[in-house]
Amino acid sequence: MNDMNDRDLQNASTQDIVRRIQAGESDLFRVLHDRYFNRLRFLARCRMPRRLRSKLDSIDLVQSAFMEAVEHIDRFRNCRSDGLFLNWLSRAMINNLKNKIAHYDCKKADIGREEAIEAGGTEGGRDIPADAPGVVSVAGMLEDLERLETVLDDLQDNHREVLLLRWFCDMSWEEVGLELGCTPGAAKQRELRAQASLVVKWSRRFGRGPHHHPVQ
């Protein structure tokens, strides 16, 4: 076992840290906790239904996800990229949130109307103003989480969810479609509409947004 100082640990890839944890260095979970806690808490807060925010604690949801990861780290076999581990953690947190929502007898929002729109209809109010910031990048939004949370909170539930799944869970289009109950193509269309709505709302609330390359 090679010793690493704190700086080395902070610069180490998630894949390397996971492999070392699986080899017995369980104390290194603190590095992953520090690395992903804020991102997962943001995901939990934004994905939580408004009416349950006084009942559910986003910190508890994230801590439960990490506890599950600690308990089942031996089951994680795919260390090809940092994003895959974040995806795994995100799924644990999302499943925990779904169980909590079910406990309070809350049902998922009806997405039928949105599916009809994405199949070929049109939706008013989606034109981006000429002075809008453009479709901002994930990196640009992540630089201002406080504002991003505020604007995401103003989006339709299904628009907010597709952005969270893509931007914060690193899910593929197939995974997003499965999570949303639609095809990958419909999920892509929903994200385009969600981004357009987000840009409009950001522009109206804060003026021109951060200038970065578009989301790919």
N, C-alpha and C. Protein backbone atom coordinates (compact mmCIF):
# COMPACT_ATOMS: atom_id res chain seq x y z
N MET A 1 0.85 -1.20 0.00
CA MET A 1 0.00 0.00 0.00
C MET A 1 0.89 1.24 0.00
N ASN A 2 0.74 2.12 -1.01
CA ASN A 2 1.56 3.31 -1.11
C ASN A 2 0.88 4.46 -0.39
N ASP A 3 1.67 5.15 0.43
CA ASP A 3 1.12 6.30 1.14
C ASP A 3 0.97 7.47 0.19
N MET A 4 -0.09 8.25 0.38
CA MET A 4 -0.33 9.44 -0.42
C MET A 4 -0.68 10.57 0.53
N ASN A 5 -0.11 11.76 0.28
CA ASN A 5 -0.48 12.89 1.12
C ASN A 5 -1.81 13.45 0.65
N ASP A 6 -2.33 14.43 1.41
CA ASP A 6 -3.66 14.96 1.10
C ASP A 6 -3.72 15.57 -0.29
N ARG A 7 -2.65 16.21 -0.70
CA ARG A 7 -2.66 16.83 -2.02
C ARG A 7 -2.72 15.78 -3.12
N ASP A 8 -1.97 14.70 -2.94
CA ASP A 8 -2.00 13.60 -3.91
C ASP A 8 -3.40 13.00 -3.99
N LEU A 9 -4.04 12.85 -2.84
CA LEU A 9 -5.39 12.28 -2.82
C LEU A 9 -6.38 13.17 -3.53
N GLN A 10 -6.27 14.47 -3.33
CA GLN A 10 -7.18 15.40 -3.98
C GLN A 10 -7.02 15.38 -5.49
N ASN A 11 -5.81 15.12 -5.95
CA ASN A 11 -5.54 15.11 -7.39
C ASN A 11 -5.75 13.73 -8.02
N ALA A 12 -5.91 12.71 -7.19
CA ALA A 12 -6.08 11.35 -7.72
C ALA A 12 -7.43 11.21 -8.39
N SER A 13 -7.49 10.37 -9.40
CA SER A 13 -8.76 10.14 -10.10
C SER A 13 -9.70 9.33 -9.20
N THR A 14 -10.99 9.49 -9.45
CA THR A 14 -11.97 8.72 -8.70
C THR A 14 -11.77 7.23 -8.93
N GLN A 15 -11.43 6.85 -10.17
CA GLN A 15 -11.20 5.42 -10.47
C GLN A 15 -10.12 4.84 -9.57
N ASP A 16 -9.01 5.58 -9.42
CA ASP A 16 -7.91 5.08 -8.59
C ASP A 16 -8.33 4.97 -7.13
N ILE A 17 -9.07 5.96 -6.64
CA ILE A 17 -9.49 5.93 -5.24
C ILE A 17 -10.45 4.77 -5.00
N VAL A 18 -11.39 4.56 -5.93
CA VAL A 18 -12.33 3.44 -5.78
C VAL A 18 -11.58 2.11 -5.75
N ARG A 19 -10.63 1.94 -6.63
CA ARG A 19 -9.85 0.68 -6.65
C ARG A 19 -9.13 0.47 -5.32
N ARG A 20 -8.59 1.53 -4.75
CA ARG A 20 -7.88 1.41 -3.48
C ARG A 20 -8.84 1.09 -2.34
N ILE A 21 -10.03 1.69 -2.39
CA ILE A 21 -11.04 1.37 -1.37
C ILE A 21 -11.42 -0.10 -1.46
N GLN A 22 -11.63 -0.57 -2.68
CA GLN A 22 -11.99 -1.98 -2.87
C GLN A 22 -10.87 -2.91 -2.44
N ALA A 23 -9.64 -2.39 -2.44
CA ALA A 23 -8.50 -3.20 -2.00
C ALA A 23 -8.31 -3.15 -0.49
N GLY A 24 -9.14 -2.36 0.20
CA GLY A 24 -9.07 -2.37 1.65
C GLY A 24 -8.87 -1.03 2.33
N GLU A 25 -8.60 0.03 1.57
CA GLU A 25 -8.36 1.34 2.18
C GLU A 25 -9.68 2.10 2.33
N SER A 26 -10.53 1.61 3.21
CA SER A 26 -11.88 2.16 3.36
C SER A 26 -11.87 3.61 3.84
N ASP A 27 -10.80 4.05 4.50
CA ASP A 27 -10.75 5.42 5.00
C ASP A 27 -10.74 6.45 3.87
N LEU A 28 -10.44 5.99 2.65
CA LEU A 28 -10.38 6.91 1.52
C LEU A 28 -11.77 7.34 1.05
N PHE A 29 -12.80 6.76 1.63
CA PHE A 29 -14.15 7.20 1.28
C PHE A 29 -14.35 8.67 1.62
N ARG A 30 -13.59 9.17 2.57
CA ARG A 30 -13.71 10.59 2.92
C ARG A 30 -13.37 11.48 1.74
N VAL A 31 -12.45 11.01 0.88
CA VAL A 31 -12.07 11.80 -0.29
C VAL A 31 -13.24 11.89 -1.27
N LEU A 32 -13.90 10.76 -1.49
CA LEU A 32 -15.05 10.75 -2.39
C LEU A 32 -16.21 11.54 -1.80
N HIS A 33 -16.37 11.47 -0.49
CA HIS A 33 -17.42 12.23 0.17
C HIS A 33 -17.20 13.72 -0.05
N ASP A 34 -15.98 14.18 0.18
CA ASP A 34 -15.67 15.60 -0.01
C ASP A 34 -15.83 16.01 -1.47
N ARG A 35 -15.49 15.11 -2.36
CA ARG A 35 -15.50 15.42 -3.80
C ARG A 35 -16.91 15.55 -4.35
N TYR A 36 -17.84 14.73 -3.87
CA TYR A 36 -19.16 14.67 -4.50
C TYR A 36 -20.32 15.12 -3.62
N PHE A 37 -20.06 15.42 -2.37
CA PHE A 37 -21.16 15.74 -1.46
C PHE A 37 -22.00 16.92 -1.95
N ASN A 38 -21.34 18.04 -2.26
CA ASN A 38 -22.09 19.24 -2.65
C ASN A 38 -22.88 19.02 -3.93
N ARG A 39 -22.28 18.29 -4.86
CA ARG A 39 -22.98 18.05 -6.12
C ARG A 39 -24.22 17.18 -5.91
N LEU A 40 -24.10 16.15 -5.08
CA LEU A 40 -25.24 15.29 -4.81
C LEU A 40 -26.29 16.00 -3.98
N ARG A 41 -25.88 16.85 -3.06
CA ARG A 41 -26.87 17.59 -2.28
C ARG A 41 -27.65 18.55 -3.18
N PHE A 42 -26.94 19.17 -4.11
CA PHE A 42 -27.63 20.05 -5.06
C PHE A 42 -28.65 19.27 -5.86
N LEU A 43 -28.26 18.09 -6.32
CA LEU A 43 -29.17 17.23 -7.07
C LEU A 43 -30.39 16.87 -6.23
N ALA A 44 -30.16 16.52 -4.97
CA ALA A 44 -31.27 16.14 -4.09
C ALA A 44 -32.22 17.31 -3.86
N ARG A 45 -31.67 18.49 -3.63
CA ARG A 45 -32.50 19.67 -3.37
C ARG A 45 -33.35 20.03 -4.59
N CYS A 46 -32.74 19.98 -5.77
CA CYS A 46 -33.45 20.38 -6.97
C CYS A 46 -34.47 19.34 -7.42
N ARG A 47 -34.23 18.09 -7.10
CA ARG A 47 -35.13 17.02 -7.55
C ARG A 47 -36.27 16.78 -6.56
N MET A 48 -36.16 17.35 -5.40
CA MET A 48 -37.16 17.12 -4.36
C MET A 48 -38.43 17.95 -4.63
N PRO A 49 -39.61 17.34 -4.59
CA PRO A 49 -40.84 18.10 -4.78
C PRO A 49 -40.95 19.22 -3.76
N ARG A 50 -41.45 20.38 -4.19
CA ARG A 50 -41.53 21.53 -3.30
C ARG A 50 -42.30 21.21 -2.03
N ARG A 51 -43.39 20.46 -2.18
CA ARG A 51 -44.25 20.23 -1.02
C ARG A 51 -43.63 19.32 0.02
N LEU A 52 -42.48 18.68 -0.34
CA LEU A 52 -41.82 17.80 0.62
C LEU A 52 -40.53 18.38 1.18
N ARG A 53 -40.18 19.59 0.78
CA ARG A 53 -38.91 20.15 1.21
C ARG A 53 -38.87 20.46 2.70
N SER A 54 -40.02 20.63 3.30
CA SER A 54 -40.04 20.85 4.74
C SER A 54 -40.00 19.54 5.52
N LYS A 55 -40.20 18.43 4.79
CA LYS A 55 -40.25 17.12 5.45
C LYS A 55 -38.99 16.29 5.22
N LEU A 56 -38.31 16.52 4.09
CA LEU A 56 -37.14 15.72 3.74
C LEU A 56 -35.88 16.55 3.87
N ASP A 57 -34.81 15.91 4.26
CA ASP A 57 -33.52 16.57 4.44
C ASP A 57 -32.57 16.10 3.35
N SER A 58 -32.11 17.03 2.51
CA SER A 58 -31.22 16.65 1.41
C SER A 58 -29.90 16.07 1.92
N ILE A 59 -29.45 16.52 3.07
CA ILE A 59 -28.20 15.99 3.63
C ILE A 59 -28.38 14.51 3.99
N ASP A 60 -29.51 14.19 4.60
CA ASP A 60 -29.78 12.79 4.95
C ASP A 60 -29.83 11.90 3.72
N LEU A 61 -30.42 12.41 2.63
CA LEU A 61 -30.50 11.64 1.40
C LEU A 61 -29.12 11.34 0.85
N VAL A 62 -28.26 12.33 0.86
CA VAL A 62 -26.91 12.15 0.34
C VAL A 62 -26.10 11.23 1.24
N GLN A 63 -26.21 11.42 2.54
CA GLN A 63 -25.47 10.56 3.47
C GLN A 63 -25.90 9.11 3.33
N SER A 64 -27.19 8.90 3.10
CA SER A 64 -27.67 7.53 2.90
C SER A 64 -27.08 6.92 1.65
N ALA A 65 -26.94 7.73 0.60
CA ALA A 65 -26.34 7.24 -0.64
C ALA A 65 -24.89 6.84 -0.42
N PHE A 66 -24.16 7.64 0.35
CA PHE A 66 -22.76 7.30 0.64
C PHE A 66 -22.67 6.06 1.52
N MET A 67 -23.57 5.93 2.47
CA MET A 67 -23.57 4.74 3.33
C MET A 67 -23.83 3.48 2.50
N GLU A 68 -24.74 3.61 1.53
CA GLU A 68 -25.01 2.47 0.66
C GLU A 68 -23.79 2.14 -0.19
N ALA A 69 -23.10 3.19 -0.65
CA ALA A 69 -21.90 2.97 -1.46
C ALA A 69 -20.81 2.28 -0.64
N VAL A 70 -20.66 2.70 0.61
CA VAL A 70 -19.67 2.07 1.49
C VAL A 70 -20.00 0.59 1.67
N GLU A 71 -21.26 0.29 1.86
CA GLU A 71 -21.69 -1.08 2.14
C GLU A 71 -21.54 -1.98 0.91
N HIS A 72 -21.73 -1.40 -0.28
CA HIS A 72 -21.77 -2.22 -1.49
C HIS A 72 -20.68 -1.87 -2.50
N ILE A 73 -19.58 -1.27 -2.02
CA ILE A 73 -18.53 -0.84 -2.95
C ILE A 73 -17.96 -2.01 -3.74
N ASP A 74 -18.02 -3.22 -3.19
CA ASP A 74 -17.49 -4.38 -3.89
C ASP A 74 -18.31 -4.71 -5.13
N ARG A 75 -19.54 -4.20 -5.20
CA ARG A 75 -20.41 -4.47 -6.35
C ARG A 75 -20.11 -3.54 -7.53
N PHE A 76 -19.39 -2.47 -7.25
CA PHE A 76 -19.08 -1.53 -8.33
C PHE A 76 -17.88 -2.04 -9.10
N ARG A 77 -18.10 -2.42 -10.35
CA ARG A 77 -17.05 -3.05 -11.15
C ARG A 77 -16.58 -2.22 -12.33
N ASN A 78 -17.25 -1.11 -12.59
CA ASN A 78 -16.94 -0.35 -13.80
C ASN A 78 -16.21 0.94 -13.45
N CYS A 79 -14.89 0.92 -13.52
CA CYS A 79 -14.09 2.08 -13.14
C CYS A 79 -13.46 2.75 -14.36
N ARG A 80 -14.16 2.70 -15.50
CA ARG A 80 -13.58 3.27 -16.71
C ARG A 80 -13.50 4.79 -16.68
N SER A 81 -14.36 5.43 -15.89
CA SER A 81 -14.34 6.89 -15.83
C SER A 81 -14.90 7.36 -14.50
N ASP A 82 -14.54 8.59 -14.13
CA ASP A 82 -15.06 9.17 -12.89
C ASP A 82 -16.57 9.30 -12.95
N GLY A 83 -17.10 9.63 -14.15
CA GLY A 83 -18.52 9.84 -14.30
C GLY A 83 -19.35 8.61 -13.97
N LEU A 84 -18.83 7.44 -14.22
CA LEU A 84 -19.58 6.21 -13.96
C LEU A 84 -19.79 6.01 -12.46
N PHE A 85 -18.82 6.39 -11.65
CA PHE A 85 -19.00 6.27 -10.21
C PHE A 85 -20.00 7.31 -9.71
N LEU A 86 -19.92 8.52 -10.26
CA LEU A 86 -20.89 9.55 -9.90
C LEU A 86 -22.30 9.11 -10.29
N ASN A 87 -22.41 8.50 -11.46
CA ASN A 87 -23.70 7.95 -11.91
C ASN A 87 -24.23 6.96 -10.89
N TRP A 88 -23.37 6.07 -10.42
CA TRP A 88 -23.74 5.03 -9.45
C TRP A 88 -24.22 5.67 -8.14
N LEU A 89 -23.46 6.66 -7.66
CA LEU A 89 -23.86 7.36 -6.44
C LEU A 89 -25.18 8.08 -6.62
N SER A 90 -25.33 8.73 -7.78
CA SER A 90 -26.55 9.49 -8.05
C SER A 90 -27.76 8.59 -8.05
N ARG A 91 -27.62 7.41 -8.64
CA ARG A 91 -28.74 6.47 -8.69
C ARG A 91 -29.14 6.03 -7.28
N ALA A 92 -28.16 5.80 -6.43
CA ALA A 92 -28.46 5.42 -5.05
C ALA A 92 -29.24 6.53 -4.35
N MET A 93 -28.80 7.78 -4.57
CA MET A 93 -29.48 8.91 -3.94
C MET A 93 -30.89 9.08 -4.50
N ILE A 94 -31.04 8.95 -5.84
CA ILE A 94 -32.34 9.11 -6.48
C ILE A 94 -33.30 8.02 -6.01
N ASN A 95 -32.83 6.80 -5.92
CA ASN A 95 -33.69 5.70 -5.45
C ASN A 95 -34.14 5.94 -4.01
N ASN A 96 -33.24 6.46 -3.20
CA ASN A 96 -33.58 6.78 -1.83
C ASN A 96 -34.65 7.86 -1.78
N LEU A 97 -34.50 8.88 -2.64
CA LEU A 97 -35.49 9.94 -2.70
C LEU A 97 -36.84 9.42 -3.17
N LYS A 98 -36.84 8.54 -4.17
CA LYS A 98 -38.10 7.96 -4.65
C LYS A 98 -38.81 7.19 -3.54
N ASN A 99 -38.04 6.47 -2.75
CA ASN A 99 -38.64 5.73 -1.64
C ASN A 99 -39.26 6.68 -0.61
N LYS A 100 -38.59 7.80 -0.38
CA LYS A 100 -39.12 8.79 0.56
C LYS A 100 -40.41 9.40 0.02
N ILE A 101 -40.40 9.71 -1.28
CA ILE A 101 -41.60 10.30 -1.89
C ILE A 101 -42.76 9.32 -1.81
N ALA A 102 -42.47 8.05 -2.10
CA ALA A 102 -43.52 7.03 -2.01
C ALA A 102 -44.06 6.95 -0.59
N HIS A 103 -43.18 7.13 0.37
CA HIS A 103 -43.61 7.09 1.77
C HIS A 103 -44.65 8.16 2.06
N TYR A 104 -44.48 9.32 1.44
CA TYR A 104 -45.43 10.41 1.62
C TYR A 104 -46.55 10.37 0.58
N ASP A 105 -46.65 9.25 -0.11
CA ASP A 105 -47.74 9.00 -1.05
C ASP A 105 -47.81 10.07 -2.13
N CYS A 106 -46.63 10.44 -2.64
CA CYS A 106 -46.59 11.40 -3.74
C CYS A 106 -46.39 10.64 -5.04
N LYS A 107 -47.06 11.05 -6.05
CA LYS A 107 -46.95 10.39 -7.35
C LYS A 107 -46.10 11.23 -8.29
N LYS A 108 -45.51 10.54 -9.27
CA LYS A 108 -44.71 11.23 -10.27
C LYS A 108 -45.62 12.12 -11.13
N ALA A 109 -45.07 13.24 -11.57
CA ALA A 109 -45.84 14.17 -12.40
C ALA A 109 -46.20 13.50 -13.72
N ASP A 110 -47.38 13.82 -14.21
CA ASP A 110 -47.85 13.28 -15.49
C ASP A 110 -47.06 13.90 -16.63
N ILE A 111 -46.42 13.04 -17.45
CA ILE A 111 -45.61 13.57 -18.54
C ILE A 111 -46.28 13.37 -19.89
N GLY A 112 -47.53 12.97 -19.89
CA GLY A 112 -48.21 12.71 -21.15
C GLY A 112 -48.28 13.92 -22.05
N ARG A 113 -48.60 15.10 -21.47
CA ARG A 113 -48.72 16.29 -22.30
C ARG A 113 -47.37 16.65 -22.91
N GLU A 114 -46.30 16.49 -22.13
CA GLU A 114 -44.98 16.81 -22.65
C GLU A 114 -44.57 15.87 -23.77
N GLU A 115 -44.92 14.57 -23.63
CA GLU A 115 -44.58 13.62 -24.68
C GLU A 115 -45.27 14.00 -25.99
N ALA A 116 -46.52 14.48 -25.90
CA ALA A 116 -47.23 14.89 -27.11
C ALA A 116 -46.55 16.08 -27.76
N ILE A 117 -46.06 17.00 -26.95
CA ILE A 117 -45.35 18.16 -27.48
C ILE A 117 -44.08 17.73 -28.17
N GLU A 118 -43.32 16.81 -27.52
CA GLU A 118 -42.04 16.38 -28.08
C GLU A 118 -42.22 15.53 -29.32
N ALA A 119 -43.39 14.95 -29.49
CA ALA A 119 -43.64 14.12 -30.67
C ALA A 119 -43.87 14.95 -31.91
N GLY A 120 -43.99 16.27 -31.77
CA GLY A 120 -44.16 17.08 -32.97
C GLY A 120 -44.93 18.35 -32.77
N GLY A 121 -45.43 18.59 -31.58
CA GLY A 121 -46.20 19.80 -31.33
C GLY A 121 -45.29 20.98 -31.09
N THR A 122 -45.90 22.10 -30.75
CA THR A 122 -45.13 23.30 -30.45
C THR A 122 -45.54 23.79 -29.09
N GLU A 123 -44.67 24.54 -28.48
CA GLU A 123 -44.95 25.07 -27.15
C GLU A 123 -44.60 26.54 -27.13
N GLY A 124 -45.57 27.36 -26.71
CA GLY A 124 -45.35 28.79 -26.70
C GLY A 124 -44.37 29.21 -25.63
N GLY A 125 -43.81 30.42 -25.79
CA GLY A 125 -42.94 30.98 -24.77
C GLY A 125 -41.55 30.40 -24.75
N ARG A 126 -41.11 29.72 -25.85
CA ARG A 126 -39.79 29.11 -25.84
C ARG A 126 -38.80 29.86 -26.72
N ASP A 127 -39.19 30.99 -27.30
CA ASP A 127 -38.25 31.76 -28.10
C ASP A 127 -37.23 32.40 -27.19
N ILE A 128 -35.95 32.29 -27.56
CA ILE A 128 -34.88 32.86 -26.75
C ILE A 128 -34.66 34.31 -27.17
N PRO A 129 -34.70 35.26 -26.23
CA PRO A 129 -34.49 36.66 -26.59
C PRO A 129 -33.15 36.87 -27.27
N ALA A 130 -33.09 37.91 -28.11
CA ALA A 130 -31.85 38.17 -28.86
C ALA A 130 -30.69 38.47 -27.93
N ASP A 131 -30.97 39.04 -26.76
CA ASP A 131 -29.88 39.37 -25.83
C ASP A 131 -29.68 38.33 -24.75
N ALA A 132 -30.30 37.15 -24.95
CA ALA A 132 -30.13 36.07 -23.97
C ALA A 132 -28.71 35.54 -24.01
N PRO A 133 -28.25 34.86 -22.97
CA PRO A 133 -26.85 34.45 -22.88
C PRO A 133 -26.48 33.30 -23.80
N GLY A 134 -27.42 32.73 -24.52
CA GLY A 134 -27.11 31.54 -25.31
C GLY A 134 -27.31 30.32 -24.44
N VAL A 135 -27.21 29.15 -25.02
CA VAL A 135 -27.37 27.92 -24.24
C VAL A 135 -26.11 27.73 -23.42
N VAL A 136 -26.21 27.98 -22.15
CA VAL A 136 -25.03 27.98 -21.30
C VAL A 136 -24.53 26.56 -21.08
N SER A 137 -23.26 26.45 -20.75
CA SER A 137 -22.65 25.14 -20.57
C SER A 137 -22.86 24.63 -19.16
N VAL A 138 -22.65 23.33 -18.99
CA VAL A 138 -22.69 22.75 -17.66
C VAL A 138 -21.66 23.42 -16.77
N ALA A 139 -20.46 23.60 -17.31
CA ALA A 139 -19.39 24.23 -16.53
C ALA A 139 -19.78 25.64 -16.10
N GLY A 140 -20.41 26.38 -17.02
CA GLY A 140 -20.82 27.74 -16.67
C GLY A 140 -21.86 27.76 -15.57
N MET A 141 -22.85 26.87 -15.66
CA MET A 141 -23.87 26.82 -14.63
C MET A 141 -23.30 26.37 -13.30
N LEU A 142 -22.39 25.42 -13.32
CA LEU A 142 -21.83 24.91 -12.07
C LEU A 142 -21.01 25.96 -11.33
N GLU A 143 -20.64 27.03 -12.03
CA GLU A 143 -19.90 28.10 -11.37
C GLU A 143 -20.80 28.97 -10.50
N ASP A 144 -22.09 28.82 -10.67
CA ASP A 144 -23.03 29.65 -9.90
C ASP A 144 -24.22 28.80 -9.49
N LEU A 145 -23.99 27.86 -8.57
CA LEU A 145 -25.03 26.91 -8.17
C LEU A 145 -26.20 27.59 -7.49
N GLU A 146 -25.94 28.68 -6.78
CA GLU A 146 -27.04 29.35 -6.08
C GLU A 146 -28.06 29.88 -7.08
N ARG A 147 -27.57 30.54 -8.13
CA ARG A 147 -28.48 31.05 -9.15
C ARG A 147 -29.11 29.90 -9.94
N LEU A 148 -28.30 28.89 -10.25
CA LEU A 148 -28.82 27.77 -11.01
C LEU A 148 -29.96 27.09 -10.27
N GLU A 149 -29.82 26.91 -8.96
CA GLU A 149 -30.89 26.27 -8.19
C GLU A 149 -32.16 27.11 -8.26
N THR A 150 -32.01 28.42 -8.19
CA THR A 150 -33.17 29.30 -8.24
C THR A 150 -33.90 29.17 -9.57
N VAL A 151 -33.15 29.14 -10.67
CA VAL A 151 -33.78 29.06 -11.99
C VAL A 151 -34.36 27.67 -12.23
N LEU A 152 -33.64 26.64 -11.84
CA LEU A 152 -34.16 25.29 -12.00
C LEU A 152 -35.49 25.11 -11.25
N ASP A 153 -35.60 25.78 -10.13
CA ASP A 153 -36.81 25.67 -9.33
C ASP A 153 -38.02 26.25 -10.05
N ASP A 154 -37.77 27.14 -11.03
CA ASP A 154 -38.85 27.75 -11.78
C ASP A 154 -39.28 26.92 -12.99
N LEU A 155 -38.50 25.89 -13.34
CA LEU A 155 -38.82 25.09 -14.51
C LEU A 155 -39.95 24.10 -14.24
N GLN A 156 -40.59 23.64 -15.31
CA GLN A 156 -41.52 22.52 -15.18
C GLN A 156 -40.76 21.33 -14.59
N ASP A 157 -41.47 20.49 -13.85
CA ASP A 157 -40.81 19.36 -13.20
C ASP A 157 -40.05 18.47 -14.19
N ASN A 158 -40.68 18.17 -15.34
CA ASN A 158 -40.02 17.26 -16.28
C ASN A 158 -38.84 17.92 -16.99
N HIS A 159 -38.87 19.24 -17.13
CA HIS A 159 -37.72 19.94 -17.70
C HIS A 159 -36.56 19.95 -16.69
N ARG A 160 -36.88 20.25 -15.44
CA ARG A 160 -35.85 20.26 -14.41
C ARG A 160 -35.20 18.88 -14.29
N GLU A 161 -36.01 17.84 -14.34
CA GLU A 161 -35.49 16.50 -14.13
C GLU A 161 -34.53 16.06 -15.23
N VAL A 162 -34.85 16.36 -16.48
CA VAL A 162 -33.97 15.91 -17.56
C VAL A 162 -32.61 16.61 -17.48
N LEU A 163 -32.60 17.88 -17.09
CA LEU A 163 -31.32 18.58 -16.93
C LEU A 163 -30.51 18.01 -15.77
N LEU A 164 -31.18 17.68 -14.68
CA LEU A 164 -30.46 17.12 -13.53
C LEU A 164 -29.87 15.75 -13.87
N LEU A 165 -30.62 14.94 -14.59
CA LEU A 165 -30.13 13.61 -14.95
C LEU A 165 -28.93 13.68 -15.87
N ARG A 166 -28.97 14.61 -16.82
CA ARG A 166 -27.87 14.74 -17.77
C ARG A 166 -26.68 15.48 -17.18
N TRP A 167 -26.93 16.58 -16.47
CA TRP A 167 -25.85 17.44 -16.01
C TRP A 167 -25.24 16.99 -14.70
N PHE A 168 -26.02 16.34 -13.85
CA PHE A 168 -25.52 16.03 -12.51
C PHE A 168 -25.36 14.54 -12.24
N CYS A 169 -25.98 13.71 -13.05
CA CYS A 169 -25.85 12.26 -12.86
C CYS A 169 -24.99 11.61 -13.93
N ASP A 170 -24.59 12.38 -14.94
CA ASP A 170 -23.78 11.85 -16.04
C ASP A 170 -24.42 10.63 -16.69
N MET A 171 -25.73 10.64 -16.84
CA MET A 171 -26.43 9.51 -17.45
C MET A 171 -26.39 9.60 -18.97
N SER A 172 -26.35 8.44 -19.61
CA SER A 172 -26.46 8.40 -21.07
C SER A 172 -27.89 8.71 -21.47
N TRP A 173 -28.10 8.97 -22.78
CA TRP A 173 -29.47 9.24 -23.23
C TRP A 173 -30.37 8.03 -23.02
N GLU A 174 -29.82 6.84 -23.18
CA GLU A 174 -30.61 5.64 -22.94
C GLU A 174 -31.05 5.57 -21.48
N GLU A 175 -30.14 5.89 -20.57
CA GLU A 175 -30.47 5.86 -19.14
C GLU A 175 -31.48 6.95 -18.78
N VAL A 176 -31.31 8.13 -19.38
CA VAL A 176 -32.26 9.21 -19.12
C VAL A 176 -33.64 8.83 -19.61
N GLY A 177 -33.70 8.27 -20.82
CA GLY A 177 -34.99 7.85 -21.36
C GLY A 177 -35.66 6.81 -20.48
N LEU A 178 -34.87 5.86 -19.99
CA LEU A 178 -35.41 4.83 -19.11
C LEU A 178 -35.95 5.43 -17.83
N GLU A 179 -35.22 6.39 -17.28
CA GLU A 179 -35.63 7.04 -16.04
C GLU A 179 -36.91 7.87 -16.23
N LEU A 180 -37.03 8.49 -17.40
CA LEU A 180 -38.17 9.37 -17.66
C LEU A 180 -39.35 8.65 -18.30
N GLY A 181 -39.13 7.40 -18.72
CA GLY A 181 -40.21 6.65 -19.36
C GLY A 181 -40.47 7.09 -20.79
N CYS A 182 -39.41 7.44 -21.51
CA CYS A 182 -39.56 7.85 -22.90
C CYS A 182 -38.37 7.34 -23.70
N THR A 183 -38.37 7.56 -24.99
CA THR A 183 -37.26 7.13 -25.83
C THR A 183 -36.07 8.06 -25.65
N PRO A 184 -34.85 7.61 -25.98
CA PRO A 184 -33.69 8.51 -25.92
C PRO A 184 -33.88 9.75 -26.78
N GLY A 185 -34.51 9.60 -27.96
CA GLY A 185 -34.74 10.74 -28.82
C GLY A 185 -35.67 11.76 -28.18
N ALA A 186 -36.73 11.28 -27.53
CA ALA A 186 -37.66 12.18 -26.84
C ALA A 186 -36.96 12.88 -25.67
N ALA A 187 -36.05 12.15 -25.00
CA ALA A 187 -35.30 12.76 -23.89
C ALA A 187 -34.42 13.89 -24.41
N LYS A 188 -33.79 13.69 -25.57
CA LYS A 188 -32.96 14.74 -26.15
C LYS A 188 -33.79 15.97 -26.48
N GLN A 189 -34.97 15.76 -27.07
CA GLN A 189 -35.84 16.88 -27.39
C GLN A 189 -36.28 17.61 -26.13
N ARG A 190 -36.54 16.85 -25.09
CA ARG A 190 -36.95 17.48 -23.84
C ARG A 190 -35.83 18.32 -23.27
N GLU A 191 -34.58 17.83 -23.39
CA GLU A 191 -33.47 18.62 -22.86
C GLU A 191 -33.30 19.92 -23.64
N LEU A 192 -33.49 19.87 -24.96
CA LEU A 192 -33.39 21.10 -25.75
C LEU A 192 -34.43 22.12 -25.30
N ARG A 193 -35.66 21.67 -25.08
CA ARG A 193 -36.70 22.57 -24.62
C ARG A 193 -36.40 23.07 -23.20
N ALA A 194 -35.86 22.17 -22.37
CA ALA A 194 -35.53 22.56 -21.00
C ALA A 194 -34.43 23.61 -20.99
N GLN A 195 -33.41 23.43 -21.84
CA GLN A 195 -32.34 24.42 -21.91
C GLN A 195 -32.86 25.77 -22.38
N ALA A 196 -33.73 25.75 -23.39
CA ALA A 196 -34.29 27.00 -23.90
C ALA A 196 -35.08 27.71 -22.81
N SER A 197 -35.88 26.96 -22.07
CA SER A 197 -36.67 27.55 -20.99
C SER A 197 -35.76 28.09 -19.89
N LEU A 198 -34.71 27.34 -19.58
CA LEU A 198 -33.78 27.77 -18.54
C LEU A 198 -33.09 29.07 -18.93
N VAL A 199 -32.66 29.17 -20.19
CA VAL A 199 -31.97 30.37 -20.66
C VAL A 199 -32.89 31.59 -20.56
N VAL A 200 -34.14 31.42 -20.97
CA VAL A 200 -35.10 32.52 -20.91
C VAL A 200 -35.29 32.97 -19.47
N LYS A 201 -35.49 32.01 -18.57
CA LYS A 201 -35.75 32.35 -17.17
C LYS A 201 -34.51 32.97 -16.52
N TRP A 202 -33.32 32.44 -16.86
CA TRP A 202 -32.08 33.00 -16.32
C TRP A 202 -31.92 34.44 -16.79
N SER A 203 -32.16 34.67 -18.08
CA SER A 203 -32.01 36.01 -18.65
C SER A 203 -32.97 37.00 -18.01
N ARG A 204 -34.22 36.58 -17.82
CA ARG A 204 -35.21 37.47 -17.23
C ARG A 204 -34.91 37.78 -15.77
N ARG A 205 -34.35 36.80 -15.07
CA ARG A 205 -34.10 36.97 -13.64
C ARG A 205 -32.78 37.67 -13.35
N PHE A 206 -31.73 37.31 -14.11
CA PHE A 206 -30.39 37.79 -13.79
C PHE A 206 -29.73 38.60 -14.90
N GLY A 207 -30.39 38.73 -16.05
CA GLY A 207 -29.73 39.37 -17.17
C GLY A 207 -28.88 38.36 -17.91
N ARG A 208 -27.89 38.83 -18.64
CA ARG A 208 -27.07 37.93 -19.43
C ARG A 208 -26.33 36.96 -18.52
N GLY A 209 -26.32 35.70 -18.91
CA GLY A 209 -25.70 34.66 -18.10
C GLY A 209 -24.24 34.48 -18.41
N PRO A 210 -23.61 33.47 -17.81
CA PRO A 210 -22.18 33.20 -18.05
C PRO A 210 -21.94 32.82 -19.49
N HIS A 211 -20.86 33.32 -20.07
CA HIS A 211 -20.54 33.06 -21.47
C HIS A 211 -19.60 31.87 -21.56
N HIS A 212 -20.12 30.75 -22.01
CA HIS A 212 -19.34 29.52 -22.15
C HIS A 212 -19.78 28.82 -23.41
N HIS A 213 -19.05 27.77 -23.77
CA HIS A 213 -19.43 27.00 -24.93
C HIS A 213 -20.73 26.26 -24.66
N PRO A 214 -21.53 26.01 -25.69
CA PRO A 214 -22.81 25.33 -25.50
C PRO A 214 -22.66 23.92 -25.00
N VAL A 215 -23.71 23.42 -24.37
CA VAL A 215 -23.76 22.02 -23.96
C VAL A 215 -23.80 21.15 -25.20
N GLN A 216 -23.02 20.10 -25.20
CA GLN A 216 -23.02 19.17 -26.33
C GLN A 216 -23.95 18.02 -26.06
